[in-house]
Amino acid sequence: MLLNAFYDFGNKIGPLLTWFFILAMTVELIFVMAKYLFTKD
């Protein structure tokens, strides 16, 4: 019973974590690109 609830929770949180990770990586990539583009060393 507890394992089934835990499995359901994992099934719900998995895609959310994936989307959050993809979003975070995209934001970081944009940030790093902007940092390299706009700094004139």
PDB file of N, CA and C in Angstrom:
ATOM      1  N   MET A   1       0.831  -1.195   0.000  1.00  0.00           N
ATOM      2  CA  MET A   1       0.000   0.000   0.000  1.00  0.00           C
ATOM      3  C   MET A   1       0.877   1.261   0.000  1.00  0.00           C
ATOM      4  N   LEU A   2       1.826   1.299   0.921  1.00  0.00           N
ATOM      5  CA  LEU A   2       2.720   2.449   1.003  1.00  0.00           C
ATOM      6  C   LEU A   2       3.587   2.537  -0.255  1.00  0.00           C
ATOM      7  N   LEU A   3       4.035   1.384  -0.738  1.00  0.00           N
ATOM      8  CA  LEU A   3       4.872   1.346  -1.930  1.00  0.00           C
ATOM      9  C   LEU A   3       4.093   1.837  -3.149  1.00  0.00           C
ATOM     10  N   ASN A   4       2.803   1.480  -3.211  1.00  0.00           N
ATOM     11  CA  ASN A   4       1.965   1.907  -4.320  1.00  0.00           C
ATOM     12  C   ASN A   4       1.787   3.427  -4.314  1.00  0.00           C
ATOM     13  N   ALA A   5       1.599   4.013  -3.148  1.00  0.00           N
ATOM     14  CA  ALA A   5       1.453   5.466  -3.040  1.00  0.00           C
ATOM     15  C   ALA A   5       2.760   6.157  -3.429  1.00  0.00           C
ATOM     16  N   PHE A   6       3.862   5.577  -2.989  1.00  0.00           N
ATOM     17  CA  PHE A   6       5.168   6.127  -3.325  1.00  0.00           C
ATOM     18  C   PHE A   6       5.409   6.062  -4.830  1.00  0.00           C
ATOM     19  N   TYR A   7       4.980   4.970  -5.455  1.00  0.00           N
ATOM     20  CA  TYR A   7       5.133   4.798  -6.902  1.00  0.00           C
ATOM     21  C   TYR A   7       4.294   5.827  -7.653  1.00  0.00           C
ATOM     22  N   ASP A   8       3.061   6.036  -7.197  1.00  0.00           N
ATOM     23  CA  ASP A   8       2.197   7.031  -7.823  1.00  0.00           C
ATOM     24  C   ASP A   8       2.809   8.423  -7.695  1.00  0.00           C
ATOM     25  N   PHE A   9       3.352   8.725  -6.518  1.00  0.00           N
ATOM     26  CA  PHE A   9       4.003  10.016  -6.281  1.00  0.00           C
ATOM     27  C   PHE A   9       5.187  10.184  -7.236  1.00  0.00           C
ATOM     28  N   GLY A  10       5.969   9.132  -7.422  1.00  0.00           N
ATOM     29  CA  GLY A  10       7.107   9.173  -8.337  1.00  0.00           C
ATOM     30  C   GLY A  10       6.662   9.381  -9.773  1.00  0.00           C
ATOM     31  N   ASN A  11       5.554   8.758 -10.152  1.00  0.00           N
ATOM     32  CA  ASN A  11       5.042   8.921 -11.504  1.00  0.00           C
ATOM     33  C   ASN A  11       4.560  10.342 -11.749  1.00  0.00           C
ATOM     34  N   LYS A  12       4.023  10.985 -10.713  1.00  0.00           N
ATOM     35  CA  LYS A  12       3.549  12.362 -10.877  1.00  0.00           C
ATOM     36  C   LYS A  12       4.702  13.355 -10.869  1.00  0.00           C
ATOM     37  N   ILE A  13       5.713  13.116 -10.027  1.00  0.00           N
ATOM     38  CA  ILE A  13       6.779  14.099  -9.841  1.00  0.00           C
ATOM     39  C   ILE A  13       7.872  13.969 -10.907  1.00  0.00           C
ATOM     40  N   GLY A  14       7.963  12.825 -11.543  1.00  0.00           N
ATOM     41  CA  GLY A  14       9.008  12.585 -12.539  1.00  0.00           C
ATOM     42  C   GLY A  14       9.017  13.577 -13.693  1.00  0.00           C
ATOM     43  N   PRO A  15       7.900  13.685 -14.438  1.00  0.00           N
ATOM     44  CA  PRO A  15       7.843  14.646 -15.552  1.00  0.00           C
ATOM     45  C   PRO A  15       8.046  16.081 -15.096  1.00  0.00           C
ATOM     46  N   LEU A  16       7.536  16.416 -13.903  1.00  0.00           N
ATOM     47  CA  LEU A  16       7.717  17.769 -13.379  1.00  0.00           C
ATOM     48  C   LEU A  16       9.190  18.061 -13.149  1.00  0.00           C
ATOM     49  N   LEU A  17       9.899  17.094 -12.549  1.00  0.00           N
ATOM     50  CA  LEU A  17      11.336  17.270 -12.316  1.00  0.00           C
ATOM     51  C   LEU A  17      12.089  17.388 -13.642  1.00  0.00           C
ATOM     52  N   THR A  18      11.667  16.592 -14.628  1.00  0.00           N
ATOM     53  CA  THR A  18      12.316  16.634 -15.930  1.00  0.00           C
ATOM     54  C   THR A  18      12.150  18.003 -16.581  1.00  0.00           C
ATOM     55  N   TRP A  19      10.907  18.517 -16.559  1.00  0.00           N
ATOM     56  CA  TRP A  19      10.650  19.830 -17.155  1.00  0.00           C
ATOM     57  C   TRP A  19      11.382  20.929 -16.408  1.00  0.00           C
ATOM     58  N   PHE A  20      11.428  20.824 -15.064  1.00  0.00           N
ATOM     59  CA  PHE A  20      12.132  21.819 -14.269  1.00  0.00           C
ATOM     60  C   PHE A  20      13.620  21.814 -14.602  1.00  0.00           C
ATOM     61  N   PHE A  21      14.193  20.607 -14.760  1.00  0.00           N
ATOM     62  CA  PHE A  21      15.611  20.482 -15.076  1.00  0.00           C
ATOM     63  C   PHE A  21      15.922  21.068 -16.453  1.00  0.00           C
ATOM     64  N   ILE A  22      15.057  20.767 -17.443  1.00  0.00           N
ATOM     65  CA  ILE A  22      15.238  21.295 -18.795  1.00  0.00           C
ATOM     66  C   ILE A  22      15.147  22.818 -18.784  1.00  0.00           C
ATOM     67  N   LEU A  23      14.180  23.342 -18.041  1.00  0.00           N
ATOM     68  CA  LEU A  23      14.003  24.787 -17.949  1.00  0.00           C
ATOM     69  C   LEU A  23      15.214  25.451 -17.295  1.00  0.00           C
ATOM     70  N   ALA A  24      15.711  24.844 -16.211  1.00  0.00           N
ATOM     71  CA  ALA A  24      16.868  25.388 -15.510  1.00  0.00           C
ATOM     72  C   ALA A  24      18.104  25.381 -16.411  1.00  0.00           C
ATOM     73  N   MET A  25      18.305  24.301 -17.162  1.00  0.00           N
ATOM     74  CA  MET A  25      19.447  24.215 -18.064  1.00  0.00           C
ATOM     75  C   MET A  25      19.341  25.262 -19.172  1.00  0.00           C
ATOM     76  N   THR A  26      18.128  25.476 -19.686  1.00  0.00           N
ATOM     77  CA  THR A  26      17.929  26.465 -20.741  1.00  0.00           C
ATOM     78  C   THR A  26      18.240  27.866 -20.242  1.00  0.00           C
ATOM     79  N   VAL A  27      17.745  28.193 -19.039  1.00  0.00           N
ATOM     80  CA  VAL A  27      17.993  29.505 -18.452  1.00  0.00           C
ATOM     81  C   VAL A  27      19.493  29.701 -18.212  1.00  0.00           C
ATOM     82  N   GLU A  28      20.140  28.664 -17.706  1.00  0.00           N
ATOM     83  CA  GLU A  28      21.575  28.768 -17.445  1.00  0.00           C
ATOM     84  C   GLU A  28      22.356  28.937 -18.751  1.00  0.00           C
ATOM     85  N   LEU A  29      21.951  28.217 -19.792  1.00  0.00           N
ATOM     86  CA  LEU A  29      22.615  28.333 -21.082  1.00  0.00           C
ATOM     87  C   LEU A  29      22.484  29.753 -21.629  1.00  0.00           C
ATOM     88  N   ILE A  30      21.270  30.322 -21.539  1.00  0.00           N
ATOM     89  CA  ILE A  30      21.043  31.688 -22.003  1.00  0.00           C
ATOM     90  C   ILE A  30      21.876  32.673 -21.186  1.00  0.00           C
ATOM     91  N   PHE A  31      21.917  32.457 -19.874  1.00  0.00           N
ATOM     92  CA  PHE A  31      22.690  33.336 -18.990  1.00  0.00           C
ATOM     93  C   PHE A  31      24.175  33.314 -19.349  1.00  0.00           C
ATOM     94  N   VAL A  32      24.718  32.113 -19.549  1.00  0.00           N
ATOM     95  CA  VAL A  32      26.129  31.980 -19.891  1.00  0.00           C
ATOM     96  C   VAL A  32      26.421  32.588 -21.265  1.00  0.00           C
ATOM     97  N   MET A  33      25.529  32.361 -22.221  1.00  0.00           N
ATOM     98  CA  MET A  33      25.707  32.941 -23.554  1.00  0.00           C
ATOM     99  C   MET A  33      25.690  34.462 -23.490  1.00  0.00           C
ATOM    100  N   ALA A  34      24.755  35.015 -22.737  1.00  0.00           N
ATOM    101  CA  ALA A  34      24.666  36.472 -22.606  1.00  0.00           C
ATOM    102  C   ALA A  34      25.909  37.023 -21.915  1.00  0.00           C
ATOM    103  N   LYS A  35      26.387  36.295 -20.912  1.00  0.00           N
ATOM    104  CA  LYS A  35      27.580  36.737 -20.184  1.00  0.00           C
ATOM    105  C   LYS A  35      28.787  36.791 -21.126  1.00  0.00           C
ATOM    106  N   TYR A  36      28.928  35.765 -21.975  1.00  0.00           N
ATOM    107  CA  TYR A  36      30.058  35.751 -22.889  1.00  0.00           C
ATOM    108  C   TYR A  36      29.882  36.754 -24.024  1.00  0.00           C
ATOM    109  N   LEU A  37      28.639  36.993 -24.439  1.00  0.00           N
ATOM    110  CA  LEU A  37      28.414  37.909 -25.544  1.00  0.00           C
ATOM    111  C   LEU A  37      28.588  39.362 -25.139  1.00  0.00           C
ATOM    112  N   PHE A  38      28.144  39.694 -23.913  1.00  0.00           N
ATOM    113  CA  PHE A  38      28.098  41.096 -23.523  1.00  0.00           C
ATOM    114  C   PHE A  38      29.294  41.560 -22.714  1.00  0.00           C
ATOM    115  N   THR A  39      30.185  40.622 -22.375  1.00  0.00           N
ATOM    116  CA  THR A  39      31.415  41.065 -21.701  1.00  0.00           C
ATOM    117  C   THR A  39      32.497  41.219 -22.744  1.00  0.00           C
ATOM    118  N   LYS A  40      33.050  42.422 -22.822  1.00  0.00           N
ATOM    119  CA  LYS A  40      34.089  42.704 -23.808  1.00  0.00           C
ATOM    120  C   LYS A  40      35.434  42.759 -23.093  1.00  0.00           C
ATOM    121  N   ASP A  41      36.020  41.619 -22.933  1.00  0.00           N
ATOM    122  CA  ASP A  41      37.334  41.594 -22.290  1.00  0.00           C
ATOM    123  C   ASP A  41      38.433  41.731 -23.351  1.00  0.00           C
TER     124      ASP A  41
END
